[in-house]
Amino acid sequence: MSDSVPDLDPRRRRLLFRATHRGTHELDLLIGGFVSSRLATFTDEELTEIERLLELPEPDLADWLTGRQPVPEALQHPLLQAMIQAEGK
């Protein structure tokens, strides 16, 4: 954990760790970069949504974030769309 986040609450620290330690380097960068750049401003609802997204299987997340597969309609959420758009830049 970086020294730049010492005053994050425990939930945000846990979320940051999970987002940057997914298991594959690609997802650590994609998800971790997105989460770390916005973590301090996430609402409770957004934190819950990110936590839910982190429970999804790695291969599916990688396919959606890189555009290899479309995101299923049931999982469409503004945060996931923001992650996809951030990846495309």
Protein backbone atom coordinates (compact mmCIF):
# COMPACT_ATOMS: atom_id res chain seq x y z
CA MET A 1 0.00 0.00 0.00
CA SER A 2 1.29 3.39 -0.91
CA ASP A 3 2.13 6.03 1.67
CA SER A 4 -0.07 8.42 -0.30
CA VAL A 5 -3.27 6.77 0.99
CA PRO A 6 -2.72 6.56 4.76
CA ASP A 7 -5.91 8.41 5.63
CA LEU A 8 -8.29 6.25 3.57
CA ASP A 9 -10.98 4.49 5.55
CA PRO A 10 -10.63 0.69 5.86
CA ARG A 11 -13.23 -0.03 3.17
CA ARG A 12 -11.41 2.11 0.61
CA ARG A 13 -8.03 0.61 1.54
CA ARG A 14 -9.42 -2.90 1.08
CA LEU A 15 -10.96 -1.92 -2.23
CA LEU A 16 -7.71 -0.39 -3.47
CA PHE A 17 -5.78 -3.52 -2.52
CA ARG A 18 -8.30 -5.79 -4.26
CA ALA A 19 -8.33 -3.60 -7.36
CA THR A 20 -4.55 -3.64 -7.67
CA HIS A 21 -4.05 -7.33 -6.81
CA ARG A 22 -6.45 -9.08 -9.18
CA GLY A 23 -4.06 -11.83 -10.17
CA THR A 24 -3.21 -10.73 -13.68
CA HIS A 25 -0.97 -7.78 -14.38
CA GLU A 26 -3.29 -6.50 -17.12
CA LEU A 27 -6.30 -6.27 -14.79
CA ASP A 28 -4.20 -4.86 -11.97
CA LEU A 29 -3.36 -1.98 -14.32
CA LEU A 30 -6.81 -1.57 -15.85
CA ILE A 31 -8.92 -1.80 -12.72
CA GLY A 32 -6.33 -0.64 -10.23
CA GLY A 33 -5.50 2.49 -12.21
CA PHE A 34 -9.15 3.41 -12.55
CA VAL A 35 -9.94 2.80 -8.88
CA SER A 36 -6.83 4.50 -7.49
CA SER A 37 -7.43 7.66 -9.52
CA ARG A 38 -11.03 8.00 -8.29
CA LEU A 39 -11.08 6.24 -4.95
CA ALA A 40 -11.32 9.32 -2.76
CA THR A 41 -14.40 10.59 -4.61
CA PHE A 42 -16.44 7.37 -4.86
CA THR A 43 -19.83 7.48 -3.16
CA ASP A 44 -20.95 4.56 -0.99
CA GLU A 45 -23.08 3.33 -3.91
CA GLU A 46 -20.08 3.45 -6.24
CA LEU A 47 -17.92 1.62 -3.71
CA THR A 48 -20.55 -1.11 -3.53
CA GLU A 49 -20.66 -1.34 -7.32
CA ILE A 50 -16.87 -1.58 -7.61
CA GLU A 51 -16.86 -4.30 -4.94
CA ARG A 52 -19.49 -6.17 -6.95
CA LEU A 53 -17.47 -5.82 -10.14
CA LEU A 54 -14.38 -7.18 -8.41
CA GLU A 55 -16.29 -10.39 -7.68
CA LEU A 56 -16.73 -11.11 -11.39
CA PRO A 57 -14.45 -13.62 -13.13
CA GLU A 58 -11.14 -12.27 -14.39
CA PRO A 59 -11.50 -13.51 -17.98
CA ASP A 60 -14.89 -11.82 -18.34
CA LEU A 61 -13.67 -8.52 -16.90
CA ALA A 62 -10.63 -8.56 -19.16
CA ASP A 63 -12.78 -9.24 -22.23
CA TRP A 64 -15.23 -6.44 -21.39
CA LEU A 65 -12.60 -3.87 -20.45
CA THR A 66 -10.59 -4.47 -23.60
CA GLY A 67 -13.63 -4.62 -25.87
CA ARG A 68 -13.12 -8.24 -26.90
CA GLN A 69 -16.66 -9.01 -25.74
CA PRO A 70 -19.70 -6.80 -25.12
CA VAL A 71 -20.79 -6.28 -21.52
CA PRO A 72 -23.97 -8.26 -20.78
CA GLU A 73 -26.98 -6.01 -20.36
CA ALA A 74 -27.53 -7.22 -16.78
CA LEU A 75 -24.09 -5.89 -15.83
CA GLN A 76 -24.33 -2.51 -17.51
CA HIS A 77 -23.42 0.12 -14.93
CA PRO A 78 -21.98 3.61 -15.30
CA LEU A 79 -18.79 2.65 -13.43
CA LEU A 80 -18.08 -0.30 -15.69
CA GLN A 81 -18.72 1.91 -18.71
CA ALA A 82 -16.38 4.55 -17.25
CA MET A 83 -13.67 1.89 -16.84
CA ILE A 84 -14.12 0.83 -20.46
CA GLN A 85 -13.94 4.42 -21.67
CA ALA A 86 -10.86 5.09 -19.53
CA GLU A 87 -9.17 2.05 -21.07
CA GLY A 88 -9.91 3.31 -24.57
CA LYS A 89 -8.03 6.58 -24.03
